[in-house]
C-alpha cells in the first residue's frame, strides 16, 4: 500500500483539505469539556507511536503534536536532531529506514524542505511537515479551521497576507488556490522571497494571488488579515527587516479598512509593536488563541488522513 505523507498543500486535493477540516471540527466538538490528556472515545491510533524530530525550536508544534497523539490514543517520542546520530552525520535516508522500524509515523520540523522530502522518500511510514523554510501546511489547516468556526463556513473569502513572502505565505497561497479564495499578498518588492514557483503553480490553476506594495489599499474589504513575525529563526538582518517591513504592520488603521467583520490571524510567536499592534492582536477581531488551539485538532485530522482514517 502506498504510504501517504502530509508534506505540502500542493500535494493534496481540495477534497482532501475539506475532509481533514471536517474531521478536525468533528473531533474537537466530540471531546468538548474532556480533560486535555484524555483519549478520544474511539482512540483511532491506539498503540501507535509518532516520532517528533526538531531541527528548529518550537512551542506550538511540539505541544500540539504530542497532545494530538495522546488524544488519538497513541504516544510520541520527542527528540532534537542533536539528540540523534542525524546530528552527527548519519544520513537522512538511514534515519528514515531505522525509524520506520520503530514508529508508525514521523514529523519533522526543519529548515531545507529537501530534507523533509528525502525523509519521506526513504520512510515506509507516513511523514508530516511540522515546518520547513518552504511551507507550513499544519499551521494553515488550523487557520482554516479557525476561519470556519468564526464565519460558519468555508465559502470563498478575501484574504490578505501582510509582510514578507515566507513559508506561511506559501501555504496560504496553496490553500487559497485549492479553495478558490481571493488572496492579496501585501509584500514589499524585496521581500517576496522565492515565491516564483508557488505563484506559477497557483496561476496554472487560474487562482494566482494579487501582489501589492500598498497595504492600505490592499486591506480594503479584506475578511481575513494575516501576519507573521518580521524576523524568523536564523535571519541575522533583523534591523534592516524591521525597518523595511514596518509599513506592512497590521494596525488598527489597517483593520478599519478591512471588512467590518474581518478576522486577524497570526501563527505566533508574535512581536507586538512590530508586525502587529497590541491593540489588534489583543482586540476583539483577533482569533490567534483559537488558531493556536486548533493546531491540535487539525493535526489529529492530518495524522488520521495519513493513516487512511478520514472519509473523503
C-alpha atoms as a PDB file:
ATOM      1  CA  UNK A   1       0.000   0.000   0.000  1.00  0.00           C
ATOM      2  CA  UNK A   2       1.317   3.455  -0.907  1.00  0.00           C
ATOM      3  CA  UNK A   3       2.383   5.468   2.134  1.00  0.00           C
ATOM      4  CA  UNK A   4       0.535   8.786   2.466  1.00  0.00           C
ATOM      5  CA  UNK A   5       2.657  11.729   3.576  1.00  0.00           C
ATOM      6  CA  UNK A   6       1.493  15.224   4.531  1.00  0.00           C
ATOM      7  CA  UNK A   7       4.310  17.374   3.196  1.00  0.00           C
ATOM      8  CA  UNK A   8       2.721  20.285   1.356  1.00  0.00           C
ATOM      9  CA  UNK A   9      -0.761  21.522   0.489  1.00  0.00           C
ATOM     10  CA  UNK A  10       0.171  21.478  -3.189  1.00  0.00           C
ATOM     11  CA  UNK A  11       0.327  17.676  -2.940  1.00  0.00           C
ATOM     12  CA  UNK A  12      -3.314  17.215  -1.899  1.00  0.00           C
ATOM     13  CA  UNK A  13      -6.720  17.913  -3.416  1.00  0.00           C
ATOM     14  CA  UNK A  14      -9.452  20.293  -2.329  1.00  0.00           C
ATOM     15  CA  UNK A  15     -11.454  17.234  -1.275  1.00  0.00           C
ATOM     16  CA  UNK A  16      -8.576  16.067   0.949  1.00  0.00           C
ATOM     17  CA  UNK A  17      -8.313  19.507   2.527  1.00  0.00           C
ATOM     18  CA  UNK A  18     -12.024  19.815   3.226  1.00  0.00           C
ATOM     19  CA  UNK A  19     -12.165  16.270   4.594  1.00  0.00           C
ATOM     20  CA  UNK A  20      -9.346  16.959   7.050  1.00  0.00           C
ATOM     21  CA  UNK A  21     -11.007  20.164   8.215  1.00  0.00           C
ATOM     22  CA  UNK A  22     -14.308  18.364   8.719  1.00  0.00           C
ATOM     23  CA  UNK A  23     -12.555  15.641  10.719  1.00  0.00           C
ATOM     24  CA  UNK A  24     -10.813  18.214  12.895  1.00  0.00           C
ATOM     25  CA  UNK A  25     -14.100  20.005  13.620  1.00  0.00           C
ATOM     26  CA  UNK A  26     -15.865  16.739  14.412  1.00  0.00           C
ATOM     27  CA  UNK A  27     -13.204  15.565  16.817  1.00  0.00           C
ATOM     28  CA  UNK A  28     -12.984  18.926  18.563  1.00  0.00           C
ATOM     29  CA  UNK A  29     -16.741  19.002  19.111  1.00  0.00           C
ATOM     30  CA  UNK A  30     -16.859  15.388  20.293  1.00  0.00           C
ATOM     31  CA  UNK A  31     -14.432  15.980  23.148  1.00  0.00           C
ATOM     32  CA  UNK A  32     -15.816  19.296  24.413  1.00  0.00           C
ATOM     33  CA  UNK A  33     -15.228  19.530  28.160  1.00  0.00           C
ATOM     34  CA  UNK A  34     -12.955  16.466  28.320  1.00  0.00           C
ATOM     35  CA  UNK A  35      -9.567  16.683  30.083  1.00  0.00           C
ATOM     36  CA  UNK A  36      -6.909  17.562  27.549  1.00  0.00           C
ATOM     37  CA  UNK A  37      -4.978  14.374  28.229  1.00  0.00           C
ATOM     38  CA  UNK A  38      -7.967  12.081  27.804  1.00  0.00           C
ATOM     39  CA  UNK A  39      -8.108   9.974  24.670  1.00  0.00           C
ATOM     40  CA  UNK A  40     -10.919  10.356  22.161  1.00  0.00           C
ATOM     41  CA  UNK A  41     -13.690   7.813  22.667  1.00  0.00           C
ATOM     42  CA  UNK A  42     -12.657   5.776  19.621  1.00  0.00           C
ATOM     43  CA  UNK A  43      -8.873   6.138  20.199  1.00  0.00           C
ATOM     44  CA  UNK A  44      -8.221   5.553  16.486  1.00  0.00           C
ATOM     45  CA  UNK A  45      -4.416   5.476  16.824  1.00  0.00           C
ATOM     46  CA  UNK A  46      -4.282   3.303  19.926  1.00  0.00           C
ATOM     47  CA  UNK A  47      -0.796   1.807  20.380  1.00  0.00           C
ATOM     48  CA  UNK A  48       0.631   3.917  17.525  1.00  0.00           C
ATOM     49  CA  UNK A  49       3.860   5.891  18.029  1.00  0.00           C
ATOM     50  CA  UNK A  50       4.839   9.190  16.401  1.00  0.00           C
ATOM     51  CA  UNK A  51       8.455  10.391  16.245  1.00  0.00           C
ATOM     52  CA  UNK A  52       8.689  14.191  16.610  1.00  0.00           C
ATOM     53  CA  UNK A  53      12.049  15.386  15.240  1.00  0.00           C
ATOM     54  CA  UNK A  54      13.055  19.014  15.757  1.00  0.00           C
ATOM     55  CA  UNK A  55      15.872  20.832  13.992  1.00  0.00           C
ATOM     56  CA  UNK A  56      14.165  24.137  14.827  1.00  0.00           C
ATOM     57  CA  UNK A  57      12.787  25.350  18.142  1.00  0.00           C
ATOM     58  CA  UNK A  58       9.076  25.025  18.741  1.00  0.00           C
ATOM     59  CA  UNK A  59       6.302  25.633  21.232  1.00  0.00           C
ATOM     60  CA  UNK A  60       3.015  25.082  19.388  1.00  0.00           C
ATOM     61  CA  UNK A  61       4.221  22.356  17.024  1.00  0.00           C
ATOM     62  CA  UNK A  62       5.839  20.359  19.816  1.00  0.00           C
ATOM     63  CA  UNK A  63       2.974  20.532  22.275  1.00  0.00           C
ATOM     64  CA  UNK A  64       0.158  20.268  19.744  1.00  0.00           C
ATOM     65  CA  UNK A  65       1.505  17.149  18.029  1.00  0.00           C
ATOM     66  CA  UNK A  66       2.241  15.457  21.344  1.00  0.00           C
ATOM     67  CA  UNK A  67      -1.254  16.264  22.656  1.00  0.00           C
ATOM     68  CA  UNK A  68      -2.781  15.217  19.327  1.00  0.00           C
ATOM     69  CA  UNK A  69      -1.233  11.758  19.505  1.00  0.00           C
ATOM     70  CA  UNK A  70      -2.309  11.279  23.116  1.00  0.00           C
ATOM     71  CA  UNK A  71      -5.869  12.250  22.269  1.00  0.00           C
ATOM     72  CA  UNK A  72      -5.847   9.816  19.353  1.00  0.00           C
ATOM     73  CA  UNK A  73      -4.862   7.071  21.780  1.00  0.00           C
ATOM     74  CA  UNK A  74      -1.195   6.813  20.791  1.00  0.00           C
ATOM     75  CA  UNK A  75       2.071   8.224  22.025  1.00  0.00           C
ATOM     76  CA  UNK A  76       5.045  10.236  20.812  1.00  0.00           C
ATOM     77  CA  UNK A  77       8.811  10.334  21.174  1.00  0.00           C
ATOM     78  CA  UNK A  78      10.219  13.872  21.048  1.00  0.00           C
ATOM     79  CA  UNK A  79      13.853  14.454  20.017  1.00  0.00           C
ATOM     80  CA  UNK A  80      16.021  17.206  18.620  1.00  0.00           C
ATOM     81  CA  UNK A  81      18.406  16.409  15.786  1.00  0.00           C
ATOM     82  CA  UNK A  82      21.307  16.966  18.188  1.00  0.00           C
ATOM     83  CA  UNK A  83      19.960  14.107  20.346  1.00  0.00           C
ATOM     84  CA  UNK A  84      20.262  11.738  17.394  1.00  0.00           C
ATOM     85  CA  UNK A  85      23.014  10.424  15.153  1.00  0.00           C
ATOM     86  CA  UNK A  86      21.323  12.555  12.491  1.00  0.00           C
ATOM     87  CA  UNK A  87      23.090  15.481  14.160  1.00  0.00           C
ATOM     88  CA  UNK A  88      26.426  13.638  13.942  1.00  0.00           C
ATOM     89  CA  UNK A  89      26.387  12.824  10.248  1.00  0.00           C
ATOM     90  CA  UNK A  90      24.066   9.848   9.831  1.00  0.00           C
ATOM     91  CA  UNK A  91      22.180  10.261   6.580  1.00  0.00           C
ATOM     92  CA  UNK A  92      18.543  11.239   6.409  1.00  0.00           C
ATOM     93  CA  UNK A  93      17.892   8.116   4.352  1.00  0.00           C
ATOM     94  CA  UNK A  94      19.353   5.811   7.011  1.00  0.00           C
ATOM     95  CA  UNK A  95      17.484   7.665   9.741  1.00  0.00           C
ATOM     96  CA  UNK A  96      14.230   7.209   7.814  1.00  0.00           C
ATOM     97  CA  UNK A  97      14.825   3.491   7.343  1.00  0.00           C
ATOM     98  CA  UNK A  98      15.644   2.892  11.001  1.00  0.00           C
ATOM     99  CA  UNK A  99      12.837   4.990  12.490  1.00  0.00           C
ATOM    100  CA  UNK A 100      10.350   3.303  10.164  1.00  0.00           C
ATOM    101  CA  UNK A 101      11.122   0.094  12.099  1.00  0.00           C
ATOM    102  CA  UNK A 102      10.439   1.790  15.469  1.00  0.00           C
ATOM    103  CA  UNK A 103       7.490   4.125  14.989  1.00  0.00           C
ATOM    104  CA  UNK A 104       4.289   4.365  12.984  1.00  0.00           C
ATOM    105  CA  UNK A 105       4.773   7.940  11.719  1.00  0.00           C
ATOM    106  CA  UNK A 106       7.285  10.798  11.808  1.00  0.00           C
ATOM    107  CA  UNK A 107       7.023  14.563  11.999  1.00  0.00           C
ATOM    108  CA  UNK A 108       9.991  16.722  11.015  1.00  0.00           C
ATOM    109  CA  UNK A 109      10.454  20.422  11.756  1.00  0.00           C
ATOM    110  CA  UNK A 110      13.486  21.611   9.834  1.00  0.00           C
ATOM    111  CA  UNK A 111      14.949  24.201   7.503  1.00  0.00           C
ATOM    112  CA  UNK A 112      15.505  22.921   3.967  1.00  0.00           C
ATOM    113  CA  UNK A 113      12.344  21.440   2.506  1.00  0.00           C
ATOM    114  CA  UNK A 114      14.538  18.958   0.653  1.00  0.00           C
ATOM    115  CA  UNK A 115      15.346  17.254   3.972  1.00  0.00           C
ATOM    116  CA  UNK A 116      11.662  16.585   4.560  1.00  0.00           C
ATOM    117  CA  UNK A 117      11.197  15.232   1.039  1.00  0.00           C
ATOM    118  CA  UNK A 118      14.240  12.974   1.424  1.00  0.00           C
ATOM    119  CA  UNK A 119      12.994  11.661   4.778  1.00  0.00           C
ATOM    120  CA  UNK A 120       9.630  10.829   3.228  1.00  0.00           C
ATOM    121  CA  UNK A 121      11.289   9.280   0.205  1.00  0.00           C
ATOM    122  CA  UNK A 122      13.067   6.680   2.344  1.00  0.00           C
ATOM    123  CA  UNK A 123      10.433   6.156   5.053  1.00  0.00           C
ATOM    124  CA  UNK A 124       7.968   3.292   4.971  1.00  0.00           C
ATOM    125  CA  UNK A 125       5.641   5.134   7.384  1.00  0.00           C
ATOM    126  CA  UNK A 126       3.835   8.487   6.997  1.00  0.00           C
ATOM    127  CA  UNK A 127       5.898  11.663   7.333  1.00  0.00           C
ATOM    128  CA  UNK A 128       4.335  15.040   8.235  1.00  0.00           C
ATOM    129  CA  UNK A 129       5.682  18.544   7.722  1.00  0.00           C
ATOM    130  CA  UNK A 130       5.978  20.345  11.070  1.00  0.00           C
ATOM    131  CA  UNK A 131       7.529  23.332   9.268  1.00  0.00           C
ATOM    132  CA  UNK A 132      10.211  23.866   6.655  1.00  0.00           C
ATOM    133  CA  UNK A 133      11.679  27.012   5.179  1.00  0.00           C
ATOM    134  CA  UNK A 134       9.365  26.446   2.204  1.00  0.00           C
ATOM    135  CA  UNK A 135       5.966  25.749   3.747  1.00  0.00           C
ATOM    136  CA  UNK A 136       3.924  25.228   6.922  1.00  0.00           C
ATOM    137  CA  UNK A 137       0.794  23.249   5.976  1.00  0.00           C
ATOM    138  CA  UNK A 138      -0.229  22.208   9.504  1.00  0.00           C
ATOM    139  CA  UNK A 139      -0.499  25.856  10.502  1.00  0.00           C
ATOM    140  CA  UNK A 140      -2.829  26.636   7.623  1.00  0.00           C
ATOM    141  CA  UNK A 141      -5.070  23.674   8.500  1.00  0.00           C
ATOM    142  CA  UNK A 142      -5.532  25.281  11.923  1.00  0.00           C
ATOM    143  CA  UNK A 143      -6.027  28.708  10.351  1.00  0.00           C
ATOM    144  CA  UNK A 144      -8.762  27.476   8.027  1.00  0.00           C
ATOM    145  CA  UNK A 145     -10.463  25.611  10.843  1.00  0.00           C
ATOM    146  CA  UNK A 146     -10.499  28.867  12.830  1.00  0.00           C
ATOM    147  CA  UNK A 147     -11.929  30.816   9.900  1.00  0.00           C
ATOM    148  CA  UNK A 148     -14.712  28.268   9.511  1.00  0.00           C
ATOM    149  CA  UNK A 149     -15.527  28.435  13.227  1.00  0.00           C
ATOM    150  CA  UNK A 150     -15.777  32.223  13.151  1.00  0.00           C
ATOM    151  CA  UNK A 151     -17.633  32.621   9.834  1.00  0.00           C
ATOM    152  CA  UNK A 152     -19.625  29.398   9.903  1.00  0.00           C
ATOM    153  CA  UNK A 153     -18.440  28.095   6.530  1.00  0.00           C
ATOM    154  CA  UNK A 154     -15.557  27.887   4.071  1.00  0.00           C
ATOM    155  CA  UNK A 155     -17.169  29.721   1.189  1.00  0.00           C
ATOM    156  CA  UNK A 156     -14.778  31.890  -0.869  1.00  0.00           C
ATOM    157  CA  UNK A 157     -13.246  34.668   1.223  1.00  0.00           C
ATOM    158  CA  UNK A 158     -10.997  37.670   0.653  1.00  0.00           C
ATOM    159  CA  UNK A 159      -7.723  37.092   2.485  1.00  0.00           C
ATOM    160  CA  UNK A 160      -4.816  39.498   2.956  1.00  0.00           C
ATOM    161  CA  UNK A 161      -1.248  38.492   3.787  1.00  0.00           C
ATOM    162  CA  UNK A 162       0.865  41.260   5.357  1.00  0.00           C
ATOM    163  CA  UNK A 163       4.668  41.085   5.422  1.00  0.00           C
ATOM    164  CA  UNK A 164       7.284  39.061   3.597  1.00  0.00           C
ATOM    165  CA  UNK A 165       6.711  36.069   1.354  1.00  0.00           C
ATOM    166  CA  UNK A 166       7.724  33.363   3.811  1.00  0.00           C
ATOM    167  CA  UNK A 167       6.776  29.715   4.330  1.00  0.00           C
ATOM    168  CA  UNK A 168       3.408  30.514   5.923  1.00  0.00           C
ATOM    169  CA  UNK A 169       2.582  32.783   2.983  1.00  0.00           C
ATOM    170  CA  UNK A 170       3.393  29.913   0.603  1.00  0.00           C
ATOM    171  CA  UNK A 171       0.942  27.619   2.364  1.00  0.00           C
ATOM    172  CA  UNK A 172      -1.724  30.341   2.323  1.00  0.00           C
ATOM    173  CA  UNK A 173      -1.232  30.730  -1.438  1.00  0.00           C
ATOM    174  CA  UNK A 174      -1.730  26.994  -1.857  1.00  0.00           C
ATOM    175  CA  UNK A 175      -4.792  26.869   0.401  1.00  0.00           C
ATOM    176  CA  UNK A 176      -6.492  29.788  -1.321  1.00  0.00           C
ATOM    177  CA  UNK A 177      -5.823  28.226  -4.718  1.00  0.00           C
ATOM    178  CA  UNK A 178      -7.368  24.939  -3.572  1.00  0.00           C
ATOM    179  CA  UNK A 179     -10.437  26.642  -2.100  1.00  0.00           C
ATOM    180  CA  UNK A 180     -10.908  29.323  -4.748  1.00  0.00           C
ATOM    181  CA  UNK A 181     -10.367  32.216  -2.339  1.00  0.00           C
ATOM    182  CA  UNK A 182      -9.160  35.661  -3.308  1.00  0.00           C
ATOM    183  CA  UNK A 183      -5.730  36.345  -1.797  1.00  0.00           C
ATOM    184  CA  UNK A 184      -3.654  39.515  -1.854  1.00  0.00           C
ATOM    185  CA  UNK A 185      -0.023  39.495  -0.751  1.00  0.00           C
ATOM    186  CA  UNK A 186       0.958  42.894   0.625  1.00  0.00           C
ATOM    187  CA  UNK A 187       4.735  42.493   0.446  1.00  0.00           C
ATOM    188  CA  UNK A 188       7.494  44.983  -0.340  1.00  0.00           C
ATOM    189  CA  UNK A 189       9.349  44.296  -3.566  1.00  0.00           C
ATOM    190  CA  UNK A 190      12.493  42.907  -1.938  1.00  0.00           C
ATOM    191  CA  UNK A 191      10.669  40.619   0.447  1.00  0.00           C
ATOM    192  CA  UNK A 192       8.715  38.300  -1.801  1.00  0.00           C
ATOM    193  CA  UNK A 193      11.183  35.513  -1.153  1.00  0.00           C
ATOM    194  CA  UNK A 194      11.234  32.630  -3.581  1.00  0.00           C
ATOM    195  CA  UNK A 195       7.531  32.835  -4.379  1.00  0.00           C
ATOM    196  CA  UNK A 196       8.020  32.308  -8.108  1.00  0.00           C
ATOM    197  CA  UNK A 197       7.298  28.550  -8.195  1.00  0.00           C
ATOM    198  CA  UNK A 198       4.237  28.673  -5.937  1.00  0.00           C
ATOM    199  CA  UNK A 199       2.839  31.701  -7.801  1.00  0.00           C
ATOM    200  CA  UNK A 200       3.269  29.791 -11.072  1.00  0.00           C
ATOM    201  CA  UNK A 201       1.563  26.762  -9.505  1.00  0.00           C
ATOM    202  CA  UNK A 202      -1.414  28.896  -8.421  1.00  0.00           C
ATOM    203  CA  UNK A 203      -1.563  30.696 -11.782  1.00  0.00           C
ATOM    204  CA  UNK A 204      -1.685  27.353 -13.616  1.00  0.00           C
ATOM    205  CA  UNK A 205      -4.885  26.694 -11.674  1.00  0.00           C
ATOM    206  CA  UNK A 206      -6.300  30.081 -12.561  1.00  0.00           C
ATOM    207  CA  UNK A 207      -6.057  31.219  -8.944  1.00  0.00           C
ATOM    208  CA  UNK A 208      -2.961  33.377  -8.698  1.00  0.00           C
ATOM    209  CA  UNK A 209      -2.909  35.853  -5.789  1.00  0.00           C
ATOM    210  CA  UNK A 210      -2.571  39.579  -6.313  1.00  0.00           C
ATOM    211  CA  UNK A 211       0.661  41.306  -5.286  1.00  0.00           C
ATOM    212  CA  UNK A 212       0.620  44.745  -3.702  1.00  0.00           C
ATOM    213  CA  UNK A 213       3.145  47.174  -2.249  1.00  0.00           C
ATOM    214  CA  UNK A 214       0.385  49.294  -0.695  1.00  0.00           C
ATOM    215  CA  UNK A 215      -1.020  47.735   2.479  1.00  0.00           C
ATOM    216  CA  UNK A 216      -3.689  50.385   2.993  1.00  0.00           C
ATOM    217  CA  UNK A 217      -5.158  49.817  -0.459  1.00  0.00           C
ATOM    218  CA  UNK A 218      -4.846  46.047  -0.222  1.00  0.00           C
ATOM    219  CA  UNK A 219      -6.659  45.953   3.129  1.00  0.00           C
ATOM    220  CA  UNK A 220      -9.880  47.415   1.746  1.00  0.00           C
ATOM    221  CA  UNK A 221     -12.641  44.857   2.163  1.00  0.00           C
ATOM    222  CA  UNK A 222     -10.387  42.030   3.382  1.00  0.00           C
ATOM    223  CA  UNK A 223     -12.225  39.458   5.513  1.00  0.00           C
ATOM    224  CA  UNK A 224      -9.124  37.697   6.836  1.00  0.00           C
ATOM    225  CA  UNK A 225      -5.968  39.650   7.703  1.00  0.00           C
ATOM    226  CA  UNK A 226      -2.880  37.524   8.322  1.00  0.00           C
ATOM    227  CA  UNK A 227       0.522  38.441   9.719  1.00  0.00           C
ATOM    228  CA  UNK A 228       3.674  36.664  10.821  1.00  0.00           C
ATOM    229  CA  UNK A 229       6.830  37.739  12.596  1.00  0.00           C
ATOM    230  CA  UNK A 230       9.046  40.006  10.510  1.00  0.00           C
ATOM    231  CA  UNK A 231      12.229  38.282  11.727  1.00  0.00           C
ATOM    232  CA  UNK A 232      12.223  34.490  11.641  1.00  0.00           C
ATOM    233  CA  UNK A 233      14.595  31.946  13.172  1.00  0.00           C
ATOM    234  CA  UNK A 234      18.050  32.074  11.621  1.00  0.00           C
ATOM    235  CA  UNK A 235      17.681  35.506   9.992  1.00  0.00           C
ATOM    236  CA  UNK A 236      20.517  37.825  11.033  1.00  0.00           C
ATOM    237  CA  UNK A 237      19.387  41.054   9.327  1.00  0.00           C
ATOM    238  CA  UNK A 238      16.786  41.984  11.927  1.00  0.00           C
ATOM    239  CA  UNK A 239      17.375  45.744  11.922  1.00  0.00           C
ATOM    240  CA  UNK A 240      17.009  46.099   8.158  1.00  0.00           C
ATOM    241  CA  UNK A 241      13.998  43.782   8.016  1.00  0.00           C
ATOM    242  CA  UNK A 242      12.136  45.639  10.752  1.00  0.00           C
ATOM    243  CA  UNK A 243      12.742  48.977   9.019  1.00  0.00           C
ATOM    244  CA  UNK A 244      11.730  47.743   5.559  1.00  0.00           C
ATOM    245  CA  UNK A 245       8.669  45.832   6.727  1.00  0.00           C
ATOM    246  CA  UNK A 246       7.358  48.424   9.199  1.00  0.00           C
ATOM    247  CA  UNK A 247       4.888  49.884   6.632  1.00  0.00           C
ATOM    248  CA  UNK A 248       3.300  46.419   6.371  1.00  0.00           C
ATOM    249  CA  UNK A 249       2.446  46.039  10.052  1.00  0.00           C
ATOM    250  CA  UNK A 250      -1.179  45.309  10.961  1.00  0.00           C
ATOM    251  CA  UNK A 251      -2.547  48.215  12.968  1.00  0.00           C
ATOM    252  CA  UNK A 252      -5.986  49.392  13.983  1.00  0.00           C
ATOM    253  CA  UNK A 253      -5.998  51.589  10.852  1.00  0.00           C
ATOM    254  CA  UNK A 254      -5.421  48.537   8.652  1.00  0.00           C
ATOM    255  CA  UNK A 255      -8.235  46.619  10.356  1.00  0.00           C
ATOM    256  CA  UNK A 256     -10.524  49.642   9.967  1.00  0.00           C
ATOM    257  CA  UNK A 257     -10.036  49.440   6.181  1.00  0.00           C
ATOM    258  CA  UNK A 258     -10.860  45.735   6.169  1.00  0.00           C
ATOM    259  CA  UNK A 259     -14.389  44.331   6.219  1.00  0.00           C
ATOM    260  CA  UNK A 260     -16.377  45.158   9.377  1.00  0.00           C
ATOM    261  CA  UNK A 261     -16.293  41.511  10.472  1.00  0.00           C
ATOM    262  CA  UNK A 262     -12.653  40.959   9.487  1.00  0.00           C
ATOM    263  CA  UNK A 263     -10.645  38.370  11.386  1.00  0.00           C
ATOM    264  CA  UNK A 264      -7.000  38.741  12.400  1.00  0.00           C
ATOM    265  CA  UNK A 265      -4.759  35.654  12.311  1.00  0.00           C
ATOM    266  CA  UNK A 266      -1.143  35.137  13.362  1.00  0.00           C
ATOM    267  CA  UNK A 267       0.712  31.809  13.645  1.00  0.00           C
ATOM    268  CA  UNK A 268       2.672  33.026  16.710  1.00  0.00           C
ATOM    269  CA  UNK A 269       5.009  33.843  18.340  1.00  0.00           C
ATOM    270  CA  UNK A 270       4.029  37.490  17.925  1.00  0.00           C
ATOM    271  CA  UNK A 271       6.027  40.655  18.499  1.00  0.00           C
ATOM    272  CA  UNK A 272       3.687  43.446  19.493  1.00  0.00           C
ATOM    273  CA  UNK A 273       4.743  46.752  18.027  1.00  0.00           C
ATOM    274  CA  UNK A 274       6.499  45.096  15.086  1.00  0.00           C
ATOM    275  CA  UNK A 275       4.291  43.079  12.685  1.00  0.00           C
ATOM    276  CA  UNK A 276       1.117  43.764  14.673  1.00  0.00           C
ATOM    277  CA  UNK A 277      -0.040  46.261  17.242  1.00  0.00           C
ATOM    278  CA  UNK A 278      -1.121  45.129  20.696  1.00  0.00           C
ATOM    279  CA  UNK A 279      -4.475  46.795  20.007  1.00  0.00           C
ATOM    280  CA  UNK A 280      -5.113  44.365  17.143  1.00  0.00           C
ATOM    281  CA  UNK A 281      -3.726  41.072  18.432  1.00  0.00           C
ATOM    282  CA  UNK A 282      -5.346  41.528  21.844  1.00  0.00           C
ATOM    283  CA  UNK A 283      -8.523  43.021  20.415  1.00  0.00           C
ATOM    284  CA  UNK A 284     -11.937  41.559  19.564  1.00  0.00           C
ATOM    285  CA  UNK A 285     -11.112  40.775  15.922  1.00  0.00           C
ATOM    286  CA  UNK A 286      -8.149  38.591  16.854  1.00  0.00           C
ATOM    287  CA  UNK A 287      -8.596  34.809  16.717  1.00  0.00           C
ATOM    288  CA  UNK A 288      -4.985  33.872  17.462  1.00  0.00           C
ATOM    289  CA  UNK A 289      -5.710  31.831  20.601  1.00  0.00           C
ATOM    290  CA  UNK A 290      -8.401  29.763  18.875  1.00  0.00           C
ATOM    291  CA  UNK A 291      -5.970  29.384  15.990  1.00  0.00           C
ATOM    292  CA  UNK A 292      -3.246  28.054  18.304  1.00  0.00           C
ATOM    293  CA  UNK A 293      -5.662  25.648  19.996  1.00  0.00           C
ATOM    294  CA  UNK A 294      -6.825  24.344  16.645  1.00  0.00           C
ATOM    295  CA  UNK A 295      -3.318  23.138  15.832  1.00  0.00           C
ATOM    296  CA  UNK A 296      -4.140  20.099  17.987  1.00  0.00           C
ATOM    297  CA  UNK A 297      -7.400  19.249  16.237  1.00  0.00           C
ATOM    298  CA  UNK A 298      -6.164  19.987  12.720  1.00  0.00           C
ATOM    299  CA  UNK A 299      -3.063  17.854  13.199  1.00  0.00           C
ATOM    300  CA  UNK A 300      -5.160  14.994  14.550  1.00  0.00           C
ATOM    301  CA  UNK A 301      -7.030  15.132  11.259  1.00  0.00           C
ATOM    302  CA  UNK A 302      -3.797  15.219   9.234  1.00  0.00           C
ATOM    303  CA  UNK A 303      -2.456  12.210  11.118  1.00  0.00           C
ATOM    304  CA  UNK A 304      -5.665  10.269  10.552  1.00  0.00           C
ATOM    305  CA  UNK A 305      -5.664  11.249   6.875  1.00  0.00           C
ATOM    306  CA  UNK A 306      -2.166   9.799   6.546  1.00  0.00           C
ATOM    307  CA  UNK A 307      -3.420   6.523   8.021  1.00  0.00           C
ATOM    308  CA  UNK A 308      -6.429   6.430   5.692  1.00  0.00           C
ATOM    309  CA  UNK A 309      -8.872   7.065   8.518  1.00  0.00           C
ATOM    310  CA  UNK A 310     -10.519  10.222   7.121  1.00  0.00           C
ATOM    311  CA  UNK A 311     -13.569   9.780   4.922  1.00  0.00           C
ATOM    312  CA  UNK A 312     -13.413  11.750   1.658  1.00  0.00           C
END
